[in-house]
Amino acid sequence: GLAPPSWLRRAPLLLLGTLVKCMLLVMVTCLVCFHSYLALANITTWESISWYNISYLKSLSPEDGSPFSQSIRMNLAIYC
């Protein structure tokens, strides 16, 4: 029959740990990418998620960007 490899029979927790680490790596990578975008656009997570619920943003289109955004270089200078 089809038997699992010998290393898997000896160390099933190794496989489980590797899968958990890979899942965490994917989640952290997505988080870093999203927050890098927020830093480049000079907007907060709250502004990104609730644009139409924030009083000073209601009249603005999200496509036009944040009223506080300058240039990518200046936006990053604020964080660095």
N, C-alpha and C. Protein backbone atom coordinates (compact mmCIF):
# COMPACT_ATOMS: atom_id res chain seq x y z
N GLY A 1 0.81 -1.19 0.00
CA GLY A 1 0.00 0.00 0.00
C GLY A 1 0.85 1.26 0.00
N LEU A 2 0.17 2.30 0.17
CA LEU A 2 0.80 3.62 0.18
C LEU A 2 1.08 4.02 1.62
N ALA A 3 2.32 3.92 2.03
CA ALA A 3 2.70 4.24 3.41
C ALA A 3 3.36 5.61 3.47
N PRO A 4 3.18 6.32 4.57
CA PRO A 4 3.84 7.62 4.71
C PRO A 4 5.35 7.44 4.81
N PRO A 5 6.10 8.45 4.45
CA PRO A 5 7.57 8.34 4.55
C PRO A 5 7.98 8.05 5.99
N SER A 6 9.15 7.44 6.14
CA SER A 6 9.60 7.04 7.47
C SER A 6 9.83 8.24 8.39
N TRP A 7 10.32 9.35 7.84
CA TRP A 7 10.57 10.52 8.68
C TRP A 7 9.27 11.08 9.24
N LEU A 8 8.18 10.93 8.48
CA LEU A 8 6.89 11.44 8.95
C LEU A 8 6.34 10.58 10.09
N ARG A 9 6.59 9.30 10.02
CA ARG A 9 6.15 8.42 11.11
C ARG A 9 6.93 8.71 12.39
N ARG A 10 8.17 9.13 12.24
CA ARG A 10 9.01 9.41 13.41
C ARG A 10 8.73 10.79 13.99
N ALA A 11 8.32 11.75 13.16
CA ALA A 11 8.21 13.13 13.65
C ALA A 11 6.96 13.82 13.09
N PRO A 12 5.76 13.38 13.47
CA PRO A 12 4.56 14.05 12.96
C PRO A 12 4.42 15.48 13.47
N LEU A 13 4.97 15.74 14.65
CA LEU A 13 4.90 17.11 15.17
C LEU A 13 5.78 18.07 14.37
N LEU A 14 6.83 17.53 13.77
CA LEU A 14 7.69 18.34 12.91
C LEU A 14 6.89 18.87 11.72
N LEU A 15 6.10 18.01 11.12
CA LEU A 15 5.26 18.42 10.00
C LEU A 15 4.22 19.44 10.44
N LEU A 16 3.58 19.19 11.57
CA LEU A 16 2.59 20.12 12.09
C LEU A 16 3.22 21.48 12.40
N GLY A 17 4.37 21.47 13.04
CA GLY A 17 5.07 22.72 13.35
C GLY A 17 5.46 23.48 12.10
N THR A 18 5.90 22.77 11.08
CA THR A 18 6.27 23.40 9.81
C THR A 18 5.06 24.05 9.15
N LEU A 19 3.93 23.35 9.18
CA LEU A 19 2.70 23.92 8.60
C LEU A 19 2.25 25.17 9.35
N VAL A 20 2.33 25.14 10.67
CA VAL A 20 1.95 26.31 11.47
C VAL A 20 2.88 27.48 11.16
N LYS A 21 4.16 27.22 11.07
CA LYS A 21 5.12 28.29 10.75
C LYS A 21 4.85 28.88 9.37
N CYS A 22 4.53 28.04 8.41
CA CYS A 22 4.23 28.54 7.06
C CYS A 22 2.97 29.41 7.06
N MET A 23 1.96 28.98 7.81
CA MET A 23 0.73 29.78 7.89
C MET A 23 1.01 31.13 8.55
N LEU A 24 1.80 31.14 9.62
CA LEU A 24 2.15 32.38 10.28
C LEU A 24 2.96 33.29 9.36
N LEU A 25 3.85 32.70 8.60
CA LEU A 25 4.66 33.48 7.66
C LEU A 25 3.78 34.16 6.62
N VAL A 26 2.80 33.45 6.10
CA VAL A 26 1.88 34.03 5.13
C VAL A 26 1.09 35.18 5.76
N MET A 27 0.59 34.98 6.97
CA MET A 27 -0.19 36.03 7.64
C MET A 27 0.66 37.27 7.91
N VAL A 28 1.86 37.08 8.40
CA VAL A 28 2.74 38.21 8.71
C VAL A 28 3.13 38.93 7.43
N THR A 29 3.39 38.19 6.36
CA THR A 29 3.73 38.81 5.08
C THR A 29 2.59 39.67 4.58
N CYS A 30 1.36 39.19 4.67
CA CYS A 30 0.19 39.98 4.26
C CYS A 30 0.05 41.23 5.11
N LEU A 31 0.27 41.10 6.40
CA LEU A 31 0.18 42.24 7.31
C LEU A 31 1.24 43.29 6.98
N VAL A 32 2.46 42.86 6.71
CA VAL A 32 3.53 43.79 6.36
C VAL A 32 3.22 44.49 5.04
N CYS A 33 2.72 43.75 4.07
CA CYS A 33 2.38 44.36 2.77
C CYS A 33 1.27 45.39 2.92
N PHE A 34 0.22 45.06 3.66
CA PHE A 34 -0.89 45.99 3.85
C PHE A 34 -0.45 47.25 4.59
N HIS A 35 0.34 47.10 5.63
CA HIS A 35 0.77 48.27 6.38
C HIS A 35 1.84 49.07 5.64
N SER A 36 2.58 48.44 4.76
CA SER A 36 3.49 49.19 3.90
C SER A 36 2.69 50.07 2.94
N TYR A 37 1.61 49.52 2.39
CA TYR A 37 0.72 50.31 1.54
C TYR A 37 0.15 51.49 2.33
N LEU A 38 -0.29 51.24 3.55
CA LEU A 38 -0.85 52.32 4.37
C LEU A 38 0.19 53.41 4.63
N ALA A 39 1.42 53.02 4.89
CA ALA A 39 2.48 54.00 5.12
C ALA A 39 2.76 54.80 3.85
N LEU A 40 2.78 54.14 2.71
CA LEU A 40 3.03 54.84 1.45
C LEU A 40 1.91 55.82 1.12
N ALA A 41 0.68 55.45 1.47
CA ALA A 41 -0.48 56.30 1.19
C ALA A 41 -0.75 57.30 2.31
N ASN A 42 -0.02 57.16 3.42
CA ASN A 42 -0.18 58.02 4.59
C ASN A 42 -1.61 58.02 5.11
N ILE A 43 -2.16 56.82 5.29
CA ILE A 43 -3.47 56.68 5.90
C ILE A 43 -3.38 55.66 7.03
N THR A 44 -4.30 55.76 7.96
CA THR A 44 -4.33 54.82 9.07
C THR A 44 -5.20 53.63 8.70
N THR A 45 -5.12 52.58 9.50
CA THR A 45 -5.96 51.41 9.28
C THR A 45 -7.43 51.81 9.40
N TRP A 46 -7.74 52.65 10.37
CA TRP A 46 -9.11 53.11 10.57
C TRP A 46 -9.62 53.88 9.35
N GLU A 47 -8.80 54.75 8.80
CA GLU A 47 -9.20 55.50 7.61
C GLU A 47 -9.41 54.57 6.42
N SER A 48 -8.58 53.57 6.30
CA SER A 48 -8.69 52.63 5.19
C SER A 48 -9.98 51.83 5.26
N ILE A 49 -10.34 51.39 6.46
CA ILE A 49 -11.50 50.52 6.61
C ILE A 49 -12.81 51.30 6.65
N SER A 50 -12.80 52.46 7.29
CA SER A 50 -14.05 53.21 7.54
C SER A 50 -14.06 54.58 6.87
N TRP A 51 -13.58 54.67 5.65
CA TRP A 51 -13.44 55.95 4.96
C TRP A 51 -14.74 56.76 4.98
N TYR A 52 -15.86 56.13 4.68
CA TYR A 52 -17.14 56.85 4.55
C TYR A 52 -17.79 57.14 5.90
N ASN A 53 -17.25 56.62 6.99
CA ASN A 53 -17.81 56.87 8.32
C ASN A 53 -17.05 57.95 9.08
N ILE A 54 -15.97 58.45 8.52
CA ILE A 54 -15.15 59.45 9.19
C ILE A 54 -15.55 60.83 8.68
N SER A 55 -15.86 61.72 9.60
CA SER A 55 -16.44 63.02 9.23
C SER A 55 -15.58 63.81 8.25
N TYR A 56 -14.28 63.86 8.45
CA TYR A 56 -13.43 64.68 7.58
C TYR A 56 -13.11 63.99 6.24
N LEU A 57 -13.54 62.74 6.05
CA LEU A 57 -13.29 62.04 4.79
C LEU A 57 -14.57 61.78 4.00
N LYS A 58 -15.74 61.98 4.60
CA LYS A 58 -17.00 61.64 3.95
C LYS A 58 -17.16 62.29 2.58
N SER A 59 -16.75 63.53 2.47
CA SER A 59 -16.96 64.25 1.21
C SER A 59 -15.87 63.97 0.17
N LEU A 60 -14.85 63.21 0.53
CA LEU A 60 -13.73 62.93 -0.37
C LEU A 60 -13.84 61.53 -0.95
N SER A 61 -13.35 61.37 -2.15
CA SER A 61 -13.33 60.06 -2.79
C SER A 61 -12.06 59.32 -2.37
N PRO A 62 -12.16 58.04 -2.04
CA PRO A 62 -10.96 57.28 -1.68
C PRO A 62 -9.94 57.21 -2.82
N GLU A 63 -10.41 57.29 -4.05
CA GLU A 63 -9.50 57.25 -5.19
C GLU A 63 -8.58 58.47 -5.24
N ASP A 64 -9.04 59.58 -4.65
CA ASP A 64 -8.21 60.79 -4.63
C ASP A 64 -7.14 60.74 -3.55
N GLY A 65 -7.25 59.79 -2.65
CA GLY A 65 -6.26 59.62 -1.60
C GLY A 65 -6.55 60.47 -0.38
N SER A 66 -5.72 60.30 0.59
CA SER A 66 -5.85 61.00 1.87
C SER A 66 -5.54 62.49 1.69
N PRO A 67 -6.27 63.35 2.37
CA PRO A 67 -5.94 64.78 2.29
C PRO A 67 -4.62 65.09 2.97
N PHE A 68 -4.10 64.17 3.77
CA PHE A 68 -2.84 64.38 4.47
C PHE A 68 -1.65 63.81 3.71
N SER A 69 -1.91 63.06 2.66
CA SER A 69 -0.84 62.44 1.89
C SER A 69 -0.10 63.49 1.07
N GLN A 70 1.22 63.38 1.06
CA GLN A 70 2.04 64.30 0.27
C GLN A 70 2.60 63.52 -0.91
N SER A 71 3.84 63.17 -0.85
CA SER A 71 4.42 62.29 -1.87
C SER A 71 4.87 61.01 -1.15
N ILE A 72 5.18 59.99 -1.91
CA ILE A 72 5.63 58.74 -1.28
C ILE A 72 6.85 59.01 -0.42
N ARG A 73 7.77 59.80 -0.93
CA ARG A 73 9.00 60.10 -0.18
C ARG A 73 8.70 60.85 1.12
N MET A 74 7.82 61.83 1.05
CA MET A 74 7.47 62.60 2.24
C MET A 74 6.65 61.75 3.21
N ASN A 75 5.77 60.90 2.69
CA ASN A 75 4.99 60.02 3.56
C ASN A 75 5.90 59.08 4.33
N LEU A 76 6.90 58.53 3.67
CA LEU A 76 7.83 57.63 4.34
C LEU A 76 8.73 58.38 5.31
N ALA A 77 9.04 59.64 5.00
CA ALA A 77 9.88 60.43 5.91
C ALA A 77 9.18 60.63 7.25
N ILE A 78 7.87 60.64 7.24
CA ILE A 78 7.12 60.79 8.49
C ILE A 78 7.34 59.56 9.38
N TYR A 79 7.44 58.39 8.77
CA TYR A 79 7.58 57.15 9.54
C TYR A 79 9.02 56.81 9.89
N CYS A 80 9.94 57.28 9.10
CA CYS A 80 11.35 56.86 9.30
C CYS A 80 12.18 57.88 10.05
